[in-house]
C-alpha atoms as a PDB file:
ATOM      1  CA  UNK A   1       2.088  40.559  -1.918  1.00  0.00           C
ATOM      2  CA  UNK A   2       2.272  42.162  -5.234  1.00  0.00           C
ATOM      3  CA  UNK A   3       0.746  45.326  -6.609  1.00  0.00           C
ATOM      4  CA  UNK A   4       0.002  46.757 -10.010  1.00  0.00           C
ATOM      5  CA  UNK A   5       1.876  50.075  -9.121  1.00  0.00           C
ATOM      6  CA  UNK A   6       5.499  50.188  -8.933  1.00  0.00           C
ATOM      7  CA  UNK A   7       7.901  52.767  -7.557  1.00  0.00           C
ATOM      8  CA  UNK A   8      10.563  52.204 -10.196  1.00  0.00           C
ATOM      9  CA  UNK A   9      13.950  52.284  -8.437  1.00  0.00           C
ATOM     10  CA  UNK A  10      12.453  53.995  -5.447  1.00  0.00           C
ATOM     11  CA  UNK A  11      11.373  51.907  -2.469  1.00  0.00           C
ATOM     12  CA  UNK A  12       9.736  52.045   0.830  1.00  0.00           C
ATOM     13  CA  UNK A  13      11.980  51.163   3.826  1.00  0.00           C
ATOM     14  CA  UNK A  14      10.504  49.465   6.880  1.00  0.00           C
ATOM     15  CA  UNK A  15      12.435  49.403  10.109  1.00  0.00           C
ATOM     16  CA  UNK A  16      11.661  48.399  13.685  1.00  0.00           C
ATOM     17  CA  UNK A  17      12.622  51.617  15.123  1.00  0.00           C
ATOM     18  CA  UNK A  18      13.730  55.074  13.766  1.00  0.00           C
ATOM     19  CA  UNK A  19      17.137  55.812  12.549  1.00  0.00           C
ATOM     20  CA  UNK A  20      19.693  54.623   9.934  1.00  0.00           C
ATOM     21  CA  UNK A  21      17.242  55.494   7.053  1.00  0.00           C
ATOM     22  CA  UNK A  22      18.474  55.158   3.532  1.00  0.00           C
ATOM     23  CA  UNK A  23      21.582  53.384   4.576  1.00  0.00           C
ATOM     24  CA  UNK A  24      22.939  49.943   4.317  1.00  0.00           C
ATOM     25  CA  UNK A  25      22.662  49.228   7.989  1.00  0.00           C
ATOM     26  CA  UNK A  26      20.727  46.171   8.814  1.00  0.00           C
ATOM     27  CA  UNK A  27      20.480  46.461  12.629  1.00  0.00           C
ATOM     28  CA  UNK A  28      16.786  47.451  12.693  1.00  0.00           C
ATOM     29  CA  UNK A  29      16.035  46.766   8.919  1.00  0.00           C
ATOM     30  CA  UNK A  30      12.833  44.867   8.196  1.00  0.00           C
ATOM     31  CA  UNK A  31      12.810  45.203   4.585  1.00  0.00           C
ATOM     32  CA  UNK A  32      12.855  47.483   1.545  1.00  0.00           C
ATOM     33  CA  UNK A  33       9.954  47.210  -0.830  1.00  0.00           C
ATOM     34  CA  UNK A  34       9.184  48.455  -4.413  1.00  0.00           C
ATOM     35  CA  UNK A  35       5.446  47.817  -4.328  1.00  0.00           C
ATOM     36  CA  UNK A  36       2.546  49.267  -2.683  1.00  0.00           C
ATOM     37  CA  UNK A  37       1.619  45.986  -0.978  1.00  0.00           C
ATOM     38  CA  UNK A  38       4.190  44.029   0.763  1.00  0.00           C
ATOM     39  CA  UNK A  39       4.444  41.340   3.411  1.00  0.00           C
ATOM     40  CA  UNK A  40       6.638  41.808   6.531  1.00  0.00           C
ATOM     41  CA  UNK A  41       7.827  38.862   8.608  1.00  0.00           C
ATOM     42  CA  UNK A  42       5.915  38.311  11.941  1.00  0.00           C
ATOM     43  CA  UNK A  43       8.297  38.553  14.885  1.00  0.00           C
ATOM     44  CA  UNK A  44       6.058  38.940  17.894  1.00  0.00           C
ATOM     45  CA  UNK A  45       2.439  39.231  18.983  1.00  0.00           C
ATOM     46  CA  UNK A  46       2.668  42.995  18.820  1.00  0.00           C
ATOM     47  CA  UNK A  47       4.841  44.661  16.357  1.00  0.00           C
ATOM     48  CA  UNK A  48       5.682  48.270  15.470  1.00  0.00           C
ATOM     49  CA  UNK A  49       6.798  49.167  11.911  1.00  0.00           C
ATOM     50  CA  UNK A  50       8.482  52.515  10.979  1.00  0.00           C
ATOM     51  CA  UNK A  51       8.171  53.287   7.173  1.00  0.00           C
ATOM     52  CA  UNK A  52       9.815  55.869   5.016  1.00  0.00           C
ATOM     53  CA  UNK A  53       9.897  56.571   1.262  1.00  0.00           C
ATOM     54  CA  UNK A  54      13.269  56.644  -0.463  1.00  0.00           C
ATOM     55  CA  UNK A  55      13.357  58.175  -3.916  1.00  0.00           C
ATOM     56  CA  UNK A  56      15.705  56.987  -6.758  1.00  0.00           C
ATOM     57  CA  UNK A  57      18.261  59.569  -5.640  1.00  0.00           C
ATOM     58  CA  UNK A  58      18.388  58.169  -2.106  1.00  0.00           C
ATOM     59  CA  UNK A  59      16.586  61.085  -0.570  1.00  0.00           C
ATOM     60  CA  UNK A  60      14.478  59.933   2.421  1.00  0.00           C
ATOM     61  CA  UNK A  61      11.148  61.336   3.409  1.00  0.00           C
ATOM     62  CA  UNK A  62      11.218  63.591   6.518  1.00  0.00           C
ATOM     63  CA  UNK A  63       8.639  61.962   8.624  1.00  0.00           C
ATOM     64  CA  UNK A  64       8.043  58.128   9.007  1.00  0.00           C
ATOM     65  CA  UNK A  65       4.771  56.458   8.998  1.00  0.00           C
ATOM     66  CA  UNK A  66       4.153  54.239  12.194  1.00  0.00           C
ATOM     67  CA  UNK A  67       2.204  51.018  12.021  1.00  0.00           C
ATOM     68  CA  UNK A  68       1.358  49.020  15.057  1.00  0.00           C
ATOM     69  CA  UNK A  69       0.254  45.446  14.547  1.00  0.00           C
ATOM     70  CA  UNK A  70      -1.583  43.317  17.077  1.00  0.00           C
ATOM     71  CA  UNK A  71      -2.131  39.471  16.723  1.00  0.00           C
ATOM     72  CA  UNK A  72      -4.911  38.718  19.251  1.00  0.00           C
ATOM     73  CA  UNK A  73      -5.542  35.191  17.789  1.00  0.00           C
ATOM     74  CA  UNK A  74      -4.287  31.841  19.056  1.00  0.00           C
ATOM     75  CA  UNK A  75      -3.886  28.651  16.955  1.00  0.00           C
ATOM     76  CA  UNK A  76      -6.972  26.631  16.734  1.00  0.00           C
ATOM     77  CA  UNK A  77      -7.446  22.951  17.998  1.00  0.00           C
ATOM     78  CA  UNK A  78      -7.246  20.394  15.320  1.00  0.00           C
ATOM     79  CA  UNK A  79      -9.473  17.272  15.179  1.00  0.00           C
ATOM     80  CA  UNK A  80      -8.300  13.915  14.043  1.00  0.00           C
ATOM     81  CA  UNK A  81      -9.662  10.759  12.258  1.00  0.00           C
ATOM     82  CA  UNK A  82      -7.993   7.418  12.558  1.00  0.00           C
ATOM     83  CA  UNK A  83      -8.118   4.728   9.986  1.00  0.00           C
ATOM     84  CA  UNK A  84      -6.671   1.525  11.349  1.00  0.00           C
ATOM     85  CA  UNK A  85      -7.860  -0.923   8.703  1.00  0.00           C
ATOM     86  CA  UNK A  86      -4.178  -1.598   8.002  1.00  0.00           C
ATOM     87  CA  UNK A  87      -2.934  -2.223  11.507  1.00  0.00           C
ATOM     88  CA  UNK A  88       0.763  -2.312  10.582  1.00  0.00           C
ATOM     89  CA  UNK A  89       0.324   1.209   8.960  1.00  0.00           C
ATOM     90  CA  UNK A  90      -2.561   3.194  10.486  1.00  0.00           C
ATOM     91  CA  UNK A  91      -3.464   6.576   9.215  1.00  0.00           C
ATOM     92  CA  UNK A  92      -4.106   9.745  11.178  1.00  0.00           C
ATOM     93  CA  UNK A  93      -5.902  12.555   9.360  1.00  0.00           C
ATOM     94  CA  UNK A  94      -5.860  16.018  11.093  1.00  0.00           C
ATOM     95  CA  UNK A  95      -8.567  18.572  10.195  1.00  0.00           C
ATOM     96  CA  UNK A  96      -8.738  22.405  11.050  1.00  0.00           C
ATOM     97  CA  UNK A  97     -12.064  23.647  12.359  1.00  0.00           C
ATOM     98  CA  UNK A  98     -14.226  25.780  10.069  1.00  0.00           C
ATOM     99  CA  UNK A  99     -13.231  28.836  12.111  1.00  0.00           C
ATOM    100  CA  UNK A 100      -9.596  28.037  12.233  1.00  0.00           C
ATOM    101  CA  UNK A 101      -7.505  31.140  12.802  1.00  0.00           C
ATOM    102  CA  UNK A 102      -3.753  31.939  13.051  1.00  0.00           C
ATOM    103  CA  UNK A 103      -2.673  28.463  11.982  1.00  0.00           C
ATOM    104  CA  UNK A 104       0.445  27.961  10.086  1.00  0.00           C
ATOM    105  CA  UNK A 105       1.206  24.258  10.681  1.00  0.00           C
ATOM    106  CA  UNK A 106       0.173  21.070  12.391  1.00  0.00           C
ATOM    107  CA  UNK A 107       2.161  18.687  14.492  1.00  0.00           C
ATOM    108  CA  UNK A 108       1.890  15.113  15.868  1.00  0.00           C
ATOM    109  CA  UNK A 109       3.835  14.193  18.975  1.00  0.00           C
ATOM    110  CA  UNK A 110       4.508  10.770  20.519  1.00  0.00           C
ATOM    111  CA  UNK A 111       3.031   9.284  23.700  1.00  0.00           C
ATOM    112  CA  UNK A 112       5.447  11.455  25.865  1.00  0.00           C
ATOM    113  CA  UNK A 113       3.791  14.620  24.302  1.00  0.00           C
ATOM    114  CA  UNK A 114       7.253  15.842  23.567  1.00  0.00           C
ATOM    115  CA  UNK A 115       9.002  13.750  20.847  1.00  0.00           C
ATOM    116  CA  UNK A 116       7.760  15.255  17.363  1.00  0.00           C
ATOM    117  CA  UNK A 117       6.849  12.470  15.024  1.00  0.00           C
ATOM    118  CA  UNK A 118       5.670  14.613  12.240  1.00  0.00           C
ATOM    119  CA  UNK A 119       5.302  18.299  11.528  1.00  0.00           C
ATOM    120  CA  UNK A 120       3.939  20.163   8.606  1.00  0.00           C
ATOM    121  CA  UNK A 121       4.020  23.979   8.035  1.00  0.00           C
ATOM    122  CA  UNK A 122       2.913  26.506   5.446  1.00  0.00           C
ATOM    123  CA  UNK A 123      -0.753  25.631   5.594  1.00  0.00           C
ATOM    124  CA  UNK A 124      -3.117  27.574   3.330  1.00  0.00           C
ATOM    125  CA  UNK A 125      -5.225  29.748   5.728  1.00  0.00           C
ATOM    126  CA  UNK A 126      -8.341  29.114   3.472  1.00  0.00           C
ATOM    127  CA  UNK A 127      -8.035  25.234   3.765  1.00  0.00           C
ATOM    128  CA  UNK A 128     -11.399  23.679   3.769  1.00  0.00           C
ATOM    129  CA  UNK A 129     -12.509  21.941   7.125  1.00  0.00           C
ATOM    130  CA  UNK A 130     -13.676  19.003   4.884  1.00  0.00           C
ATOM    131  CA  UNK A 131     -10.162  18.482   3.622  1.00  0.00           C
ATOM    132  CA  UNK A 132      -7.411  17.098   5.950  1.00  0.00           C
ATOM    133  CA  UNK A 133      -4.567  19.415   6.634  1.00  0.00           C
ATOM    134  CA  UNK A 134      -2.386  16.425   7.230  1.00  0.00           C
ATOM    135  CA  UNK A 135      -2.544  12.683   6.587  1.00  0.00           C
ATOM    136  CA  UNK A 136       0.212  10.872   8.451  1.00  0.00           C
ATOM    137  CA  UNK A 137       0.846   7.211   8.250  1.00  0.00           C
ATOM    138  CA  UNK A 138       2.259   5.650  11.451  1.00  0.00           C
ATOM    139  CA  UNK A 139       4.653   2.720  10.971  1.00  0.00           C
ATOM    140  CA  UNK A 140       3.632   0.143  13.369  1.00  0.00           C
ATOM    141  CA  UNK A 141       5.240  -2.770  11.583  1.00  0.00           C
ATOM    142  CA  UNK A 142       8.163  -3.085  13.995  1.00  0.00           C
ATOM    143  CA  UNK A 143       6.713  -2.132  17.450  1.00  0.00           C
ATOM    144  CA  UNK A 144       3.271  -3.601  16.714  1.00  0.00           C
ATOM    145  CA  UNK A 145       1.431  -1.839  19.447  1.00  0.00           C
ATOM    146  CA  UNK A 146      -2.035  -2.490  20.093  1.00  0.00           C
ATOM    147  CA  UNK A 147      -2.682   0.757  21.868  1.00  0.00           C
ATOM    148  CA  UNK A 148      -1.085   4.215  21.398  1.00  0.00           C
ATOM    149  CA  UNK A 149      -1.765   7.645  22.526  1.00  0.00           C
ATOM    150  CA  UNK A 150      -0.704  10.590  20.242  1.00  0.00           C
ATOM    151  CA  UNK A 151      -1.028  14.345  20.588  1.00  0.00           C
ATOM    152  CA  UNK A 152      -1.957  16.667  17.797  1.00  0.00           C
ATOM    153  CA  UNK A 153      -1.375  20.503  17.831  1.00  0.00           C
ATOM    154  CA  UNK A 154      -1.711  23.560  15.536  1.00  0.00           C
ATOM    155  CA  UNK A 155       0.949  26.160  15.613  1.00  0.00           C
ATOM    156  CA  UNK A 156       1.502  29.685  14.120  1.00  0.00           C
ATOM    157  CA  UNK A 157       4.527  31.603  12.817  1.00  0.00           C
ATOM    158  CA  UNK A 158       5.377  32.841  16.353  1.00  0.00           C
ATOM    159  CA  UNK A 159       5.762  29.234  17.491  1.00  0.00           C
ATOM    160  CA  UNK A 160       2.719  29.383  19.716  1.00  0.00           C
ATOM    161  CA  UNK A 161       0.707  26.196  19.960  1.00  0.00           C
ATOM    162  CA  UNK A 162      -2.919  25.343  20.418  1.00  0.00           C
ATOM    163  CA  UNK A 163      -4.015  23.068  23.269  1.00  0.00           C
ATOM    164  CA  UNK A 164      -3.355  19.320  22.615  1.00  0.00           C
ATOM    165  CA  UNK A 165      -5.842  17.113  20.796  1.00  0.00           C
ATOM    166  CA  UNK A 166      -5.358  13.578  22.246  1.00  0.00           C
ATOM    167  CA  UNK A 167      -5.591  10.664  19.784  1.00  0.00           C
ATOM    168  CA  UNK A 168      -6.121   7.143  21.417  1.00  0.00           C
ATOM    169  CA  UNK A 169      -5.459   4.409  19.139  1.00  0.00           C
ATOM    170  CA  UNK A 170      -6.771   0.965  19.952  1.00  0.00           C
ATOM    171  CA  UNK A 171      -6.538  -2.125  17.874  1.00  0.00           C
ATOM    172  CA  UNK A 172      -7.649  -4.990  20.076  1.00  0.00           C
ATOM    173  CA  UNK A 173      -6.701  -8.599  19.233  1.00  0.00           C
ATOM    174  CA  UNK A 174      -9.288 -10.755  17.329  1.00  0.00           C
ATOM    175  CA  UNK A 175     -11.873 -12.317  19.652  1.00  0.00           C
ATOM    176  CA  UNK A 176     -13.372 -15.629  18.824  1.00  0.00           C
ATOM    177  CA  UNK A 177     -16.930 -16.222  19.900  1.00  0.00           C
ATOM    178  CA  UNK A 178     -19.693 -18.763  19.382  1.00  0.00           C
ATOM    179  CA  UNK A 179     -17.409 -21.765  19.530  1.00  0.00           C
ATOM    180  CA  UNK A 180     -19.589 -24.919  19.190  1.00  0.00           C
ATOM    181  CA  UNK A 181     -19.139 -28.567  18.150  1.00  0.00           C
ATOM    182  CA  UNK A 182     -21.575 -29.826  15.503  1.00  0.00           C
ATOM    183  CA  UNK A 183     -22.155 -33.603  16.133  1.00  0.00           C
ATOM    184  CA  UNK A 184     -23.680 -33.964  12.836  1.00  0.00           C
ATOM    185  CA  UNK A 185     -20.690 -33.025  10.522  1.00  0.00           C
ATOM    186  CA  UNK A 186     -18.210 -33.681  13.355  1.00  0.00           C
ATOM    187  CA  UNK A 187     -16.599 -30.290  13.242  1.00  0.00           C
ATOM    188  CA  UNK A 188     -15.888 -27.199  15.326  1.00  0.00           C
ATOM    189  CA  UNK A 189     -17.525 -23.992  14.309  1.00  0.00           C
ATOM    190  CA  UNK A 190     -17.119 -20.277  15.464  1.00  0.00           C
ATOM    191  CA  UNK A 191     -18.040 -16.847  14.515  1.00  0.00           C
ATOM    192  CA  UNK A 192     -15.699 -14.832  12.282  1.00  0.00           C
ATOM    193  CA  UNK A 193     -13.828 -11.895  13.504  1.00  0.00           C
ATOM    194  CA  UNK A 194     -13.373  -9.178  10.859  1.00  0.00           C
ATOM    195  CA  UNK A 195      -9.907  -8.353  11.936  1.00  0.00           C
ATOM    196  CA  UNK A 196      -8.534 -11.964  12.004  1.00  0.00           C
ATOM    197  CA  UNK A 197      -6.403 -13.137   9.043  1.00  0.00           C
ATOM    198  CA  UNK A 198      -6.347 -16.771  10.358  1.00  0.00           C
ATOM    199  CA  UNK A 199      -7.199 -19.043  13.380  1.00  0.00           C
ATOM    200  CA  UNK A 200      -5.308 -21.488  15.410  1.00  0.00           C
ATOM    201  CA  UNK A 201      -7.130 -24.539  16.672  1.00  0.00           C
ATOM    202  CA  UNK A 202      -6.124 -27.131  19.273  1.00  0.00           C
ATOM    203  CA  UNK A 203      -7.920 -30.427  20.421  1.00  0.00           C
ATOM    204  CA  UNK A 204      -6.868 -32.351  23.565  1.00  0.00           C
ATOM    205  CA  UNK A 205      -8.220 -35.067  25.844  1.00  0.00           C
ATOM    206  CA  UNK A 206      -6.852 -32.900  28.716  1.00  0.00           C
ATOM    207  CA  UNK A 207      -8.182 -29.573  29.993  1.00  0.00           C
ATOM    208  CA  UNK A 208      -4.632 -28.479  30.212  1.00  0.00           C
ATOM    209  CA  UNK A 209      -4.109 -29.260  26.503  1.00  0.00           C
ATOM    210  CA  UNK A 210      -1.226 -31.660  27.256  1.00  0.00           C
ATOM    211  CA  UNK A 211      -1.072 -33.529  24.976  1.00  0.00           C
ATOM    212  CA  UNK A 212      -2.474 -31.902  22.022  1.00  0.00           C
ATOM    213  CA  UNK A 213      -4.135 -34.543  19.940  1.00  0.00           C
ATOM    214  CA  UNK A 214      -5.068 -32.341  16.890  1.00  0.00           C
ATOM    215  CA  UNK A 215      -4.230 -28.834  15.873  1.00  0.00           C
ATOM    216  CA  UNK A 216      -4.328 -26.573  12.769  1.00  0.00           C
ATOM    217  CA  UNK A 217      -3.957 -23.099  11.304  1.00  0.00           C
ATOM    218  CA  UNK A 218      -6.832 -22.160   8.975  1.00  0.00           C
ATOM    219  CA  UNK A 219      -8.373 -19.144   7.425  1.00  0.00           C
ATOM    220  CA  UNK A 220     -11.921 -20.304   7.795  1.00  0.00           C
ATOM    221  CA  UNK A 221     -14.276 -20.738  10.747  1.00  0.00           C
ATOM    222  CA  UNK A 222     -14.599 -24.518  10.969  1.00  0.00           C
ATOM    223  CA  UNK A 223     -12.309 -27.371  11.866  1.00  0.00           C
ATOM    224  CA  UNK A 224     -13.065 -31.160  11.172  1.00  0.00           C
ATOM    225  CA  UNK A 225     -12.648 -33.663  13.899  1.00  0.00           C
ATOM    226  CA  UNK A 226     -12.182 -37.372  14.036  1.00  0.00           C
ATOM    227  CA  UNK A 227     -15.022 -39.584  15.458  1.00  0.00           C
ATOM    228  CA  UNK A 228     -12.899 -40.241  18.602  1.00  0.00           C
ATOM    229  CA  UNK A 229     -12.718 -36.373  19.169  1.00  0.00           C
ATOM    230  CA  UNK A 230     -16.514 -36.223  18.940  1.00  0.00           C
ATOM    231  CA  UNK A 231     -17.565 -39.472  21.067  1.00  0.00           C
ATOM    232  CA  UNK A 232     -14.946 -39.132  23.751  1.00  0.00           C
ATOM    233  CA  UNK A 233     -14.653 -36.177  26.264  1.00  0.00           C
ATOM    234  CA  UNK A 234     -12.386 -33.800  24.618  1.00  0.00           C
ATOM    235  CA  UNK A 235     -11.410 -30.019  24.986  1.00  0.00           C
ATOM    236  CA  UNK A 236     -11.153 -27.508  22.199  1.00  0.00           C
ATOM    237  CA  UNK A 237      -9.801 -24.064  21.915  1.00  0.00           C
ATOM    238  CA  UNK A 238      -9.517 -21.497  19.047  1.00  0.00           C
ATOM    239  CA  UNK A 239      -7.828 -18.154  18.855  1.00  0.00           C
ATOM    240  CA  UNK A 240      -7.714 -15.502  16.065  1.00  0.00           C
ATOM    241  CA  UNK A 241      -4.546 -13.715  14.676  1.00  0.00           C
ATOM    242  CA  UNK A 242      -4.047 -10.460  12.950  1.00  0.00           C
ATOM    243  CA  UNK A 243      -0.913  -8.652  11.717  1.00  0.00           C
ATOM    244  CA  UNK A 244      -0.081  -7.653  15.202  1.00  0.00           C
ATOM    245  CA  UNK A 245      -0.290 -11.162  16.804  1.00  0.00           C
ATOM    246  CA  UNK A 246      -2.763 -13.641  18.216  1.00  0.00           C
ATOM    247  CA  UNK A 247      -5.590 -13.037  20.643  1.00  0.00           C
ATOM    248  CA  UNK A 248      -6.862 -15.007  23.645  1.00  0.00           C
ATOM    249  CA  UNK A 249      -8.107 -18.760  23.417  1.00  0.00           C
ATOM    250  CA  UNK A 250     -11.762 -19.348  23.329  1.00  0.00           C
ATOM    251  CA  UNK A 251     -12.205 -22.671  24.961  1.00  0.00           C
ATOM    252  CA  UNK A 252     -14.951 -25.396  25.121  1.00  0.00           C
ATOM    253  CA  UNK A 253     -15.353 -29.080  25.936  1.00  0.00           C
ATOM    254  CA  UNK A 254     -17.704 -31.747  24.603  1.00  0.00           C
ATOM    255  CA  UNK A 255     -18.929 -35.102  25.994  1.00  0.00           C
ATOM    256  CA  UNK A 256     -21.010 -36.958  23.436  1.00  0.00           C
ATOM    257  CA  UNK A 257     -24.145 -38.688  24.670  1.00  0.00           C
ATOM    258  CA  UNK A 258     -24.411 -42.233  23.251  1.00  0.00           C
ATOM    259  CA  UNK A 259     -27.511 -43.442  21.416  1.00  0.00           C
ATOM    260  CA  UNK A 260     -29.010 -46.882  21.828  1.00  0.00           C
ATOM    261  CA  UNK A 261     -28.903 -49.510  19.197  1.00  0.00           C
ATOM    262  CA  UNK A 262     -32.541 -48.855  18.376  1.00  0.00           C
ATOM    263  CA  UNK A 263     -31.523 -45.352  17.245  1.00  0.00           C
ATOM    264  CA  UNK A 264     -29.170 -46.479  14.641  1.00  0.00           C
ATOM    265  CA  UNK A 265     -31.689 -46.004  11.875  1.00  0.00           C
ATOM    266  CA  UNK A 266     -31.558 -42.187  12.126  1.00  0.00           C
ATOM    267  CA  UNK A 267     -30.088 -40.059   9.368  1.00  0.00           C
ATOM    268  CA  UNK A 268     -27.356 -38.402  11.145  1.00  0.00           C
ATOM    269  CA  UNK A 269     -24.910 -41.270  10.419  1.00  0.00           C
ATOM    270  CA  UNK A 270     -23.104 -40.225  13.692  1.00  0.00           C
ATOM    271  CA  UNK A 271     -23.261 -42.855  16.333  1.00  0.00           C
ATOM    272  CA  UNK A 272     -21.737 -44.000  19.537  1.00  0.00           C
ATOM    273  CA  UNK A 273     -21.982 -47.517  21.037  1.00  0.00           C
ATOM    274  CA  UNK A 274     -22.753 -47.901  24.730  1.00  0.00           C
ATOM    275  CA  UNK A 275     -20.335 -50.741  25.414  1.00  0.00           C
ATOM    276  CA  UNK A 276     -21.281 -53.096  28.321  1.00  0.00           C
ATOM    277  CA  UNK A 277     -18.849 -54.283  30.965  1.00  0.00           C
ATOM    278  CA  UNK A 278     -18.574 -57.632  29.247  1.00  0.00           C
ATOM    279  CA  UNK A 279     -18.912 -57.098  25.579  1.00  0.00           C
ATOM    280  CA  UNK A 280     -18.599 -60.789  24.837  1.00  0.00           C
ATOM    281  CA  UNK A 281     -21.529 -62.113  26.773  1.00  0.00           C
ATOM    282  CA  UNK A 282     -23.908 -59.182  27.007  1.00  0.00           C
ATOM    283  CA  UNK A 283     -26.613 -59.759  24.248  1.00  0.00           C
ATOM    284  CA  UNK A 284     -27.238 -55.888  23.862  1.00  0.00           C
ATOM    285  CA  UNK A 285     -24.104 -55.657  21.643  1.00  0.00           C
ATOM    286  CA  UNK A 286     -25.702 -57.718  18.934  1.00  0.00           C
ATOM    287  CA  UNK A 287     -22.489 -59.521  17.774  1.00  0.00           C
ATOM    288  CA  UNK A 288     -19.587 -61.021  19.617  1.00  0.00           C
ATOM    289  CA  UNK A 289     -16.090 -59.426  19.639  1.00  0.00           C
ATOM    290  CA  UNK A 290     -13.293 -61.278  17.813  1.00  0.00           C
ATOM    291  CA  UNK A 291     -10.588 -59.917  19.869  1.00  0.00           C
ATOM    292  CA  UNK A 292     -10.922 -59.102  23.549  1.00  0.00           C
ATOM    293  CA  UNK A 293      -7.653 -57.213  23.663  1.00  0.00           C
ATOM    294  CA  UNK A 294      -8.496 -54.636  21.219  1.00  0.00           C
ATOM    295  CA  UNK A 295      -9.448 -51.059  22.321  1.00  0.00           C
ATOM    296  CA  UNK A 296     -13.110 -50.805  23.415  1.00  0.00           C
ATOM    297  CA  UNK A 297     -13.639 -47.826  21.391  1.00  0.00           C
ATOM    298  CA  UNK A 298     -12.330 -49.353  18.112  1.00  0.00           C
ATOM    299  CA  UNK A 299     -14.495 -52.457  18.665  1.00  0.00           C
ATOM    300  CA  UNK A 300     -17.608 -50.336  19.269  1.00  0.00           C
ATOM    301  CA  UNK A 301     -17.213 -48.839  15.868  1.00  0.00           C
ATOM    302  CA  UNK A 302     -16.656 -52.137  14.316  1.00  0.00           C
ATOM    303  CA  UNK A 303     -19.733 -53.651  15.832  1.00  0.00           C
ATOM    304  CA  UNK A 304     -21.632 -50.622  14.508  1.00  0.00           C
ATOM    305  CA  UNK A 305     -20.460 -51.293  10.908  1.00  0.00           C
ATOM    306  CA  UNK A 306     -21.324 -54.989  11.189  1.00  0.00           C
ATOM    307  CA  UNK A 307     -24.818 -54.040  12.306  1.00  0.00           C
ATOM    308  CA  UNK A 308     -25.385 -51.663   9.388  1.00  0.00           C
ATOM    309  CA  UNK A 309     -24.079 -54.272   6.965  1.00  0.00           C
ATOM    310  CA  UNK A 310     -26.661 -56.852   8.129  1.00  0.00           C
ATOM    311  CA  UNK A 311     -29.527 -54.113   7.823  1.00  0.00           C
ATOM    312  CA  UNK A 312     -28.429 -53.724   4.301  1.00  0.00           C
ATOM    313  CA  UNK A 313     -28.421 -57.414   3.616  1.00  0.00           C
ATOM    314  CA  UNK A 314     -31.746 -57.987   5.144  1.00  0.00           C
END
């Protein structure tokens, strides 16, 4: 610390024990100071300083002044705030309590509570508790951990540490919910997850999803289907993905309930034909099939379109 009063070329000599005054010996020398106020290095929790005045001629005062310094304080425990909005580079902010004492620096350690990931010293003692003492960005772009435990400490100039503040980082994978099939618009729908950047969709006639009849990667929350996917028993699954990877599949199945021919006049424009065992002779179909060898499902849709055409003509 500086002072307005100077001793010119005279100085105050500080030593850790008496002797060797006014000499160039450094064995017990703490410092030589030319101002009334000065700072001495902190070497232990309890320190003794011996001071003598040395005039410009080199004469030393007869008796020393003894100063004993005790440091009863211990480093305060920090608090932490996590911002994981960027999952590849989450931010950890460390704060000192309002009554923080004896704090020179802060430190972040890895999950083993030994490896130092970051350390910052020379903190201002008057730092506001509303301002972070440290903002540290964790590079998670390579490891892509979803969970991580870190430890934060405060420390003083003696190398003494506070107790540990445990920081538990959790960034779960996107979870898909509300998966439904809308028969009206023939599409899958699900609820958005705020952490997802895209979704993967698979459609299959088998519960084991082998084979997969349709698939897609989209950034929305709906997926269009073919009529066959709707009217036949099919299985659907969707999962979300974030920068760290993909989540679990959300699965569902759907079996369409056919409507009768009398209901073809509704406005949904989504129909399924209840095909009889003998589609050629059964009068409920409303028209003969031209080709007995075609796929039953394809013929059903053809019959429907013929029926609708006749309705328009009539």
